[in-house]
Amino acid sequence: MTLQTLLEDPHVTISYDHSNDWLYVNWHGDQDFASVQQGGSDILRLLRQQRCHKVLNDNALVTSMWSDAAEWAGKEWFPAMTAVGLQYFAWVYSPNLYSRLSTDLTLQFAVGNPIVATFDDIETAQAWLKQM
């Protein structure tokens, strides 16, 4: 990955991968409704700015449950990302069981038509996203 950091804050780092033309989103630490909503808004803004259609969303370093944001993410954030051009979203699970459950809950709420796939490791997620 050839990454250009676009945003770095205590909960998320968002980079543009020039070689693959996607956003790489690296979430880290404890997450809650406010951090997920802020990070999601930043992703939406940068997705529009970079005019790319793919996101590699890495939760491997997330250490907490954030299920209070699941409905917002599924019903509002995913449709908003689709509206600005998102087509493919590769989501790397956290090893934290409660974070994994939050991801699954978000996908149960998800509306819109991006193709979303979940993965246990970043290498498999990257390989899938490259094929899309």
N, C-alpha and C. Protein backbone atom coordinates (compact mmCIF):
# COMPACT_ATOMS: atom_id res chain seq x y z
N MET A 1 0.85 -1.18 0.00
CA MET A 1 0.00 0.00 0.00
C MET A 1 0.89 1.24 0.00
N THR A 2 0.57 2.18 -0.87
CA THR A 2 1.23 3.48 -0.91
C THR A 2 0.26 4.47 -0.29
N LEU A 3 0.46 4.79 0.99
CA LEU A 3 -0.53 5.55 1.74
C LEU A 3 -0.15 7.01 1.92
N GLN A 4 -1.16 7.85 1.76
CA GLN A 4 -1.05 9.27 2.07
C GLN A 4 -2.04 9.54 3.19
N THR A 5 -1.54 9.91 4.36
CA THR A 5 -2.43 10.18 5.49
C THR A 5 -3.24 11.44 5.22
N LEU A 6 -4.55 11.30 5.31
CA LEU A 6 -5.47 12.43 5.09
C LEU A 6 -6.00 12.99 6.40
N LEU A 7 -6.11 12.13 7.42
CA LEU A 7 -6.65 12.55 8.71
C LEU A 7 -6.14 11.60 9.78
N GLU A 8 -5.76 12.17 10.90
CA GLU A 8 -5.31 11.35 12.02
C GLU A 8 -5.89 11.95 13.29
N ASP A 9 -6.66 11.14 14.02
CA ASP A 9 -7.17 11.59 15.31
C ASP A 9 -7.07 10.42 16.30
N PRO A 10 -7.46 10.63 17.56
CA PRO A 10 -7.26 9.57 18.56
C PRO A 10 -8.00 8.26 18.27
N HIS A 11 -9.05 8.29 17.45
CA HIS A 11 -9.86 7.09 17.22
C HIS A 11 -9.70 6.48 15.84
N VAL A 12 -9.21 7.26 14.88
CA VAL A 12 -9.15 6.74 13.51
C VAL A 12 -8.06 7.48 12.72
N THR A 13 -7.42 6.74 11.84
CA THR A 13 -6.50 7.31 10.87
C THR A 13 -7.04 6.96 9.49
N ILE A 14 -7.20 7.96 8.63
CA ILE A 14 -7.73 7.73 7.28
C ILE A 14 -6.66 8.11 6.28
N SER A 15 -6.36 7.18 5.39
CA SER A 15 -5.33 7.39 4.38
C SER A 15 -5.90 7.07 3.01
N TYR A 16 -5.27 7.64 2.00
CA TYR A 16 -5.61 7.31 0.62
C TYR A 16 -4.51 6.41 0.08
N ASP A 17 -4.90 5.26 -0.44
CA ASP A 17 -3.96 4.31 -1.02
C ASP A 17 -3.90 4.59 -2.53
N HIS A 18 -2.82 5.24 -2.94
CA HIS A 18 -2.68 5.65 -4.34
C HIS A 18 -2.57 4.46 -5.29
N SER A 19 -1.90 3.41 -4.87
CA SER A 19 -1.70 2.28 -5.78
C SER A 19 -2.98 1.48 -6.00
N ASN A 20 -3.91 1.54 -5.05
CA ASN A 20 -5.15 0.77 -5.19
C ASN A 20 -6.39 1.64 -5.36
N ASP A 21 -6.25 2.95 -5.25
CA ASP A 21 -7.36 3.89 -5.40
C ASP A 21 -8.50 3.57 -4.42
N TRP A 22 -8.14 3.48 -3.13
CA TRP A 22 -9.16 3.31 -2.10
C TRP A 22 -8.76 4.05 -0.84
N LEU A 23 -9.75 4.25 0.02
CA LEU A 23 -9.47 4.79 1.34
C LEU A 23 -9.12 3.63 2.26
N TYR A 24 -8.06 3.80 3.03
CA TYR A 24 -7.71 2.85 4.08
C TYR A 24 -8.04 3.52 5.41
N VAL A 25 -8.96 2.92 6.14
CA VAL A 25 -9.44 3.49 7.40
C VAL A 25 -9.00 2.57 8.53
N ASN A 26 -8.15 3.08 9.40
CA ASN A 26 -7.61 2.29 10.50
C ASN A 26 -8.16 2.84 11.82
N TRP A 27 -9.18 2.17 12.34
CA TRP A 27 -9.78 2.54 13.62
C TRP A 27 -8.90 1.97 14.73
N HIS A 28 -8.80 2.69 15.87
CA HIS A 28 -7.99 2.17 16.96
C HIS A 28 -8.55 2.59 18.31
N GLY A 29 -8.37 1.68 19.28
CA GLY A 29 -8.79 1.95 20.65
C GLY A 29 -10.28 1.77 20.87
N ASP A 30 -10.73 2.33 22.00
CA ASP A 30 -12.14 2.26 22.35
C ASP A 30 -12.95 3.18 21.43
N GLN A 31 -14.11 2.69 21.02
CA GLN A 31 -15.02 3.47 20.17
C GLN A 31 -16.35 3.62 20.89
N ASP A 32 -17.05 4.71 20.59
CA ASP A 32 -18.40 4.93 21.11
C ASP A 32 -19.20 5.65 20.02
N PHE A 33 -20.43 5.99 20.33
CA PHE A 33 -21.29 6.61 19.32
C PHE A 33 -20.63 7.86 18.72
N ALA A 34 -20.09 8.72 19.59
CA ALA A 34 -19.51 9.97 19.10
C ALA A 34 -18.30 9.73 18.21
N SER A 35 -17.42 8.83 18.59
CA SER A 35 -16.22 8.59 17.77
C SER A 35 -16.57 7.92 16.44
N VAL A 36 -17.52 7.01 16.46
CA VAL A 36 -17.94 6.35 15.22
C VAL A 36 -18.62 7.35 14.29
N GLN A 37 -19.48 8.20 14.84
CA GLN A 37 -20.16 9.19 14.02
C GLN A 37 -19.17 10.21 13.44
N GLN A 38 -18.23 10.66 14.25
CA GLN A 38 -17.23 11.61 13.75
C GLN A 38 -16.35 10.96 12.69
N GLY A 39 -15.86 9.76 12.97
CA GLY A 39 -15.03 9.06 11.99
C GLY A 39 -15.80 8.76 10.72
N GLY A 40 -17.06 8.36 10.86
CA GLY A 40 -17.89 8.09 9.69
C GLY A 40 -18.09 9.34 8.85
N SER A 41 -18.30 10.47 9.49
CA SER A 41 -18.45 11.73 8.77
C SER A 41 -17.16 12.10 8.04
N ASP A 42 -16.03 11.86 8.69
CA ASP A 42 -14.74 12.13 8.05
C ASP A 42 -14.52 11.22 6.84
N ILE A 43 -14.87 9.94 6.97
CA ILE A 43 -14.75 9.01 5.85
C ILE A 43 -15.61 9.49 4.69
N LEU A 44 -16.83 9.87 4.97
CA LEU A 44 -17.75 10.35 3.93
C LEU A 44 -17.16 11.56 3.21
N ARG A 45 -16.64 12.51 3.96
CA ARG A 45 -16.05 13.70 3.36
C ARG A 45 -14.84 13.35 2.49
N LEU A 46 -13.99 12.47 2.98
CA LEU A 46 -12.77 12.13 2.24
C LEU A 46 -13.06 11.21 1.06
N LEU A 47 -14.09 10.38 1.17
CA LEU A 47 -14.51 9.55 0.04
C LEU A 47 -14.96 10.44 -1.12
N ARG A 48 -15.73 11.48 -0.78
CA ARG A 48 -16.19 12.44 -1.78
C ARG A 48 -15.00 13.21 -2.37
N GLN A 49 -14.10 13.64 -1.51
CA GLN A 49 -12.94 14.42 -1.93
C GLN A 49 -12.01 13.63 -2.85
N GLN A 50 -11.76 12.37 -2.52
CA GLN A 50 -10.83 11.55 -3.30
C GLN A 50 -11.48 10.91 -4.52
N ARG A 51 -12.79 10.93 -4.56
CA ARG A 51 -13.55 10.36 -5.68
C ARG A 51 -13.20 8.89 -5.93
N CYS A 52 -13.06 8.14 -4.85
CA CYS A 52 -12.80 6.71 -5.00
C CYS A 52 -14.07 5.93 -4.64
N HIS A 53 -14.08 4.66 -4.99
CA HIS A 53 -15.29 3.86 -4.86
C HIS A 53 -15.13 2.67 -3.91
N LYS A 54 -13.95 2.62 -3.25
CA LYS A 54 -13.66 1.48 -2.38
C LYS A 54 -13.12 1.97 -1.04
N VAL A 55 -13.45 1.19 0.01
CA VAL A 55 -12.93 1.47 1.35
C VAL A 55 -12.43 0.16 1.95
N LEU A 56 -11.22 0.22 2.48
CA LEU A 56 -10.68 -0.87 3.30
C LEU A 56 -10.78 -0.39 4.74
N ASN A 57 -11.75 -0.93 5.48
CA ASN A 57 -12.10 -0.48 6.82
C ASN A 57 -11.53 -1.47 7.83
N ASP A 58 -10.48 -1.07 8.52
CA ASP A 58 -9.72 -1.97 9.39
C ASP A 58 -10.06 -1.72 10.86
N ASN A 59 -10.70 -2.70 11.49
CA ASN A 59 -11.06 -2.61 12.91
C ASN A 59 -10.16 -3.47 13.78
N ALA A 60 -9.03 -3.94 13.25
CA ALA A 60 -8.18 -4.88 13.98
C ALA A 60 -7.69 -4.32 15.32
N LEU A 61 -7.61 -3.01 15.46
CA LEU A 61 -7.11 -2.40 16.70
C LEU A 61 -8.23 -1.83 17.58
N VAL A 62 -9.49 -2.10 17.23
CA VAL A 62 -10.62 -1.62 18.03
C VAL A 62 -10.75 -2.51 19.26
N THR A 63 -10.93 -1.90 20.42
CA THR A 63 -10.89 -2.63 21.69
C THR A 63 -12.19 -2.63 22.48
N SER A 64 -13.28 -2.16 21.86
CA SER A 64 -14.52 -2.05 22.64
C SER A 64 -15.76 -2.28 21.77
N MET A 65 -16.88 -2.39 22.47
CA MET A 65 -18.18 -2.46 21.81
C MET A 65 -18.59 -1.04 21.42
N TRP A 66 -19.24 -0.90 20.28
CA TRP A 66 -19.75 0.40 19.83
C TRP A 66 -21.14 0.23 19.21
N SER A 67 -21.88 -0.74 19.74
CA SER A 67 -23.18 -1.09 19.16
C SER A 67 -24.19 0.04 19.21
N ASP A 68 -23.99 1.04 20.09
CA ASP A 68 -24.92 2.16 20.14
C ASP A 68 -24.88 2.97 18.84
N ALA A 69 -23.84 2.80 18.03
CA ALA A 69 -23.74 3.51 16.76
C ALA A 69 -24.16 2.65 15.57
N ALA A 70 -24.50 1.39 15.81
CA ALA A 70 -24.77 0.45 14.72
C ALA A 70 -25.96 0.88 13.85
N GLU A 71 -27.04 1.30 14.46
CA GLU A 71 -28.22 1.68 13.69
C GLU A 71 -27.93 2.92 12.84
N TRP A 72 -27.28 3.92 13.43
CA TRP A 72 -26.91 5.12 12.67
C TRP A 72 -26.02 4.74 11.49
N ALA A 73 -25.00 3.91 11.74
CA ALA A 73 -24.07 3.53 10.68
C ALA A 73 -24.79 2.78 9.55
N GLY A 74 -25.65 1.86 9.91
CA GLY A 74 -26.34 1.07 8.89
C GLY A 74 -27.38 1.85 8.10
N LYS A 75 -28.17 2.65 8.80
CA LYS A 75 -29.30 3.33 8.16
C LYS A 75 -28.96 4.70 7.57
N GLU A 76 -27.94 5.37 8.10
CA GLU A 76 -27.61 6.71 7.61
C GLU A 76 -26.26 6.78 6.90
N TRP A 77 -25.23 6.19 7.53
CA TRP A 77 -23.88 6.32 7.00
C TRP A 77 -23.68 5.54 5.71
N PHE A 78 -24.11 4.28 5.68
CA PHE A 78 -23.94 3.50 4.45
C PHE A 78 -24.69 4.11 3.26
N PRO A 79 -25.95 4.52 3.41
CA PRO A 79 -26.62 5.18 2.28
C PRO A 79 -25.93 6.48 1.86
N ALA A 80 -25.40 7.24 2.81
CA ALA A 80 -24.70 8.48 2.46
C ALA A 80 -23.43 8.17 1.68
N MET A 81 -22.70 7.14 2.09
CA MET A 81 -21.49 6.77 1.35
C MET A 81 -21.83 6.27 -0.06
N THR A 82 -22.91 5.51 -0.17
CA THR A 82 -23.34 5.04 -1.49
C THR A 82 -23.68 6.22 -2.38
N ALA A 83 -24.30 7.23 -1.81
CA ALA A 83 -24.70 8.41 -2.59
C ALA A 83 -23.51 9.18 -3.15
N VAL A 84 -22.34 9.08 -2.50
CA VAL A 84 -21.15 9.77 -3.02
C VAL A 84 -20.24 8.83 -3.82
N GLY A 85 -20.71 7.60 -4.08
CA GLY A 85 -19.99 6.74 -5.00
C GLY A 85 -19.41 5.45 -4.44
N LEU A 86 -19.59 5.17 -3.15
CA LEU A 86 -19.06 3.92 -2.60
C LEU A 86 -19.69 2.72 -3.31
N GLN A 87 -18.84 1.79 -3.74
CA GLN A 87 -19.31 0.55 -4.35
C GLN A 87 -18.90 -0.69 -3.57
N TYR A 88 -17.68 -0.68 -3.01
CA TYR A 88 -17.14 -1.86 -2.33
C TYR A 88 -16.53 -1.46 -0.99
N PHE A 89 -16.86 -2.24 0.04
CA PHE A 89 -16.44 -1.94 1.40
C PHE A 89 -15.92 -3.23 2.02
N ALA A 90 -14.61 -3.33 2.22
CA ALA A 90 -14.00 -4.49 2.86
C ALA A 90 -13.79 -4.16 4.33
N TRP A 91 -14.38 -4.96 5.21
CA TRP A 91 -14.38 -4.66 6.64
C TRP A 91 -13.61 -5.74 7.39
N VAL A 92 -12.48 -5.35 7.98
CA VAL A 92 -11.65 -6.27 8.77
C VAL A 92 -12.14 -6.24 10.21
N TYR A 93 -12.55 -7.41 10.69
CA TYR A 93 -13.05 -7.52 12.06
C TYR A 93 -11.96 -7.23 13.10
N SER A 94 -12.41 -6.74 14.24
CA SER A 94 -11.57 -6.65 15.44
C SER A 94 -11.50 -8.04 16.07
N PRO A 95 -10.40 -8.37 16.74
CA PRO A 95 -10.39 -9.62 17.50
C PRO A 95 -11.27 -9.54 18.75
N ASN A 96 -11.68 -8.33 19.14
CA ASN A 96 -12.56 -8.13 20.30
C ASN A 96 -13.97 -8.60 19.95
N LEU A 97 -14.48 -9.57 20.69
CA LEU A 97 -15.78 -10.16 20.40
C LEU A 97 -16.90 -9.12 20.33
N TYR A 98 -16.89 -8.16 21.25
CA TYR A 98 -17.96 -7.17 21.29
C TYR A 98 -17.89 -6.20 20.12
N SER A 99 -16.70 -5.89 19.68
CA SER A 99 -16.57 -5.06 18.48
C SER A 99 -17.07 -5.83 17.26
N ARG A 100 -16.75 -7.12 17.19
CA ARG A 100 -17.23 -7.95 16.07
C ARG A 100 -18.76 -7.96 16.04
N LEU A 101 -19.36 -8.10 17.21
CA LEU A 101 -20.82 -8.10 17.28
C LEU A 101 -21.39 -6.75 16.84
N SER A 102 -20.70 -5.67 17.17
CA SER A 102 -21.13 -4.33 16.74
C SER A 102 -21.09 -4.22 15.22
N THR A 103 -20.04 -4.77 14.60
CA THR A 103 -19.93 -4.78 13.14
C THR A 103 -21.10 -5.55 12.53
N ASP A 104 -21.35 -6.75 13.05
CA ASP A 104 -22.45 -7.57 12.52
C ASP A 104 -23.80 -6.88 12.67
N LEU A 105 -24.00 -6.21 13.81
CA LEU A 105 -25.25 -5.49 14.03
C LEU A 105 -25.40 -4.35 13.03
N THR A 106 -24.31 -3.63 12.77
CA THR A 106 -24.34 -2.56 11.78
C THR A 106 -24.80 -3.10 10.43
N LEU A 107 -24.25 -4.24 10.04
CA LEU A 107 -24.59 -4.80 8.73
C LEU A 107 -26.04 -5.29 8.68
N GLN A 108 -26.60 -5.66 9.82
CA GLN A 108 -28.02 -6.01 9.84
C GLN A 108 -28.91 -4.79 9.57
N PHE A 109 -28.44 -3.63 9.98
CA PHE A 109 -29.18 -2.39 9.76
C PHE A 109 -28.90 -1.78 8.38
N ALA A 110 -27.82 -2.22 7.74
CA ALA A 110 -27.34 -1.55 6.52
C ALA A 110 -28.37 -1.56 5.40
N VAL A 111 -28.53 -0.38 4.81
CA VAL A 111 -29.36 -0.21 3.63
C VAL A 111 -28.50 0.47 2.57
N GLY A 112 -28.95 0.43 1.36
CA GLY A 112 -28.14 0.95 0.27
C GLY A 112 -27.55 -0.22 -0.48
N ASN A 113 -26.76 0.06 -1.47
CA ASN A 113 -26.29 -1.05 -2.28
C ASN A 113 -24.79 -1.18 -2.45
N PRO A 114 -23.96 -0.73 -1.51
CA PRO A 114 -22.55 -1.10 -1.68
C PRO A 114 -22.40 -2.59 -1.36
N ILE A 115 -21.42 -3.22 -1.95
CA ILE A 115 -21.12 -4.60 -1.63
C ILE A 115 -20.16 -4.58 -0.45
N VAL A 116 -20.57 -5.20 0.65
CA VAL A 116 -19.79 -5.21 1.88
C VAL A 116 -19.40 -6.65 2.18
N ALA A 117 -18.12 -6.86 2.48
CA ALA A 117 -17.65 -8.18 2.89
C ALA A 117 -16.80 -8.01 4.14
N THR A 118 -16.89 -9.00 5.04
CA THR A 118 -16.12 -8.97 6.28
C THR A 118 -15.00 -10.00 6.22
N PHE A 119 -13.91 -9.68 6.93
CA PHE A 119 -12.71 -10.53 6.90
C PHE A 119 -12.07 -10.57 8.27
N ASP A 120 -11.30 -11.64 8.50
CA ASP A 120 -10.57 -11.78 9.76
C ASP A 120 -9.15 -11.23 9.68
N ASP A 121 -8.67 -10.96 8.46
CA ASP A 121 -7.32 -10.42 8.33
C ASP A 121 -7.26 -9.45 7.16
N ILE A 122 -6.30 -8.55 7.23
CA ILE A 122 -6.21 -7.47 6.24
C ILE A 122 -5.75 -7.99 4.88
N GLU A 123 -4.92 -9.02 4.86
CA GLU A 123 -4.43 -9.53 3.58
C GLU A 123 -5.57 -10.06 2.72
N THR A 124 -6.48 -10.83 3.33
CA THR A 124 -7.62 -11.36 2.58
C THR A 124 -8.55 -10.24 2.13
N ALA A 125 -8.74 -9.26 3.01
CA ALA A 125 -9.58 -8.10 2.66
C ALA A 125 -9.00 -7.34 1.48
N GLN A 126 -7.69 -7.12 1.48
CA GLN A 126 -7.03 -6.42 0.37
C GLN A 126 -7.17 -7.20 -0.93
N ALA A 127 -6.95 -8.50 -0.86
CA ALA A 127 -7.05 -9.34 -2.07
C ALA A 127 -8.46 -9.27 -2.66
N TRP A 128 -9.48 -9.31 -1.80
CA TRP A 128 -10.86 -9.24 -2.28
C TRP A 128 -11.12 -7.87 -2.91
N LEU A 129 -10.71 -6.81 -2.24
CA LEU A 129 -10.98 -5.47 -2.71
C LEU A 129 -10.26 -5.20 -4.03
N LYS A 130 -9.07 -5.75 -4.22
CA LYS A 130 -8.35 -5.59 -5.49
C LYS A 130 -9.09 -6.23 -6.64
N GLN A 131 -9.79 -7.32 -6.37
CA GLN A 131 -10.53 -8.03 -7.42
C GLN A 131 -11.79 -7.31 -7.85
N MET A 132 -12.28 -6.44 -6.99
CA MET A 132 -13.56 -5.77 -7.26
C MET A 132 -13.37 -4.57 -8.18
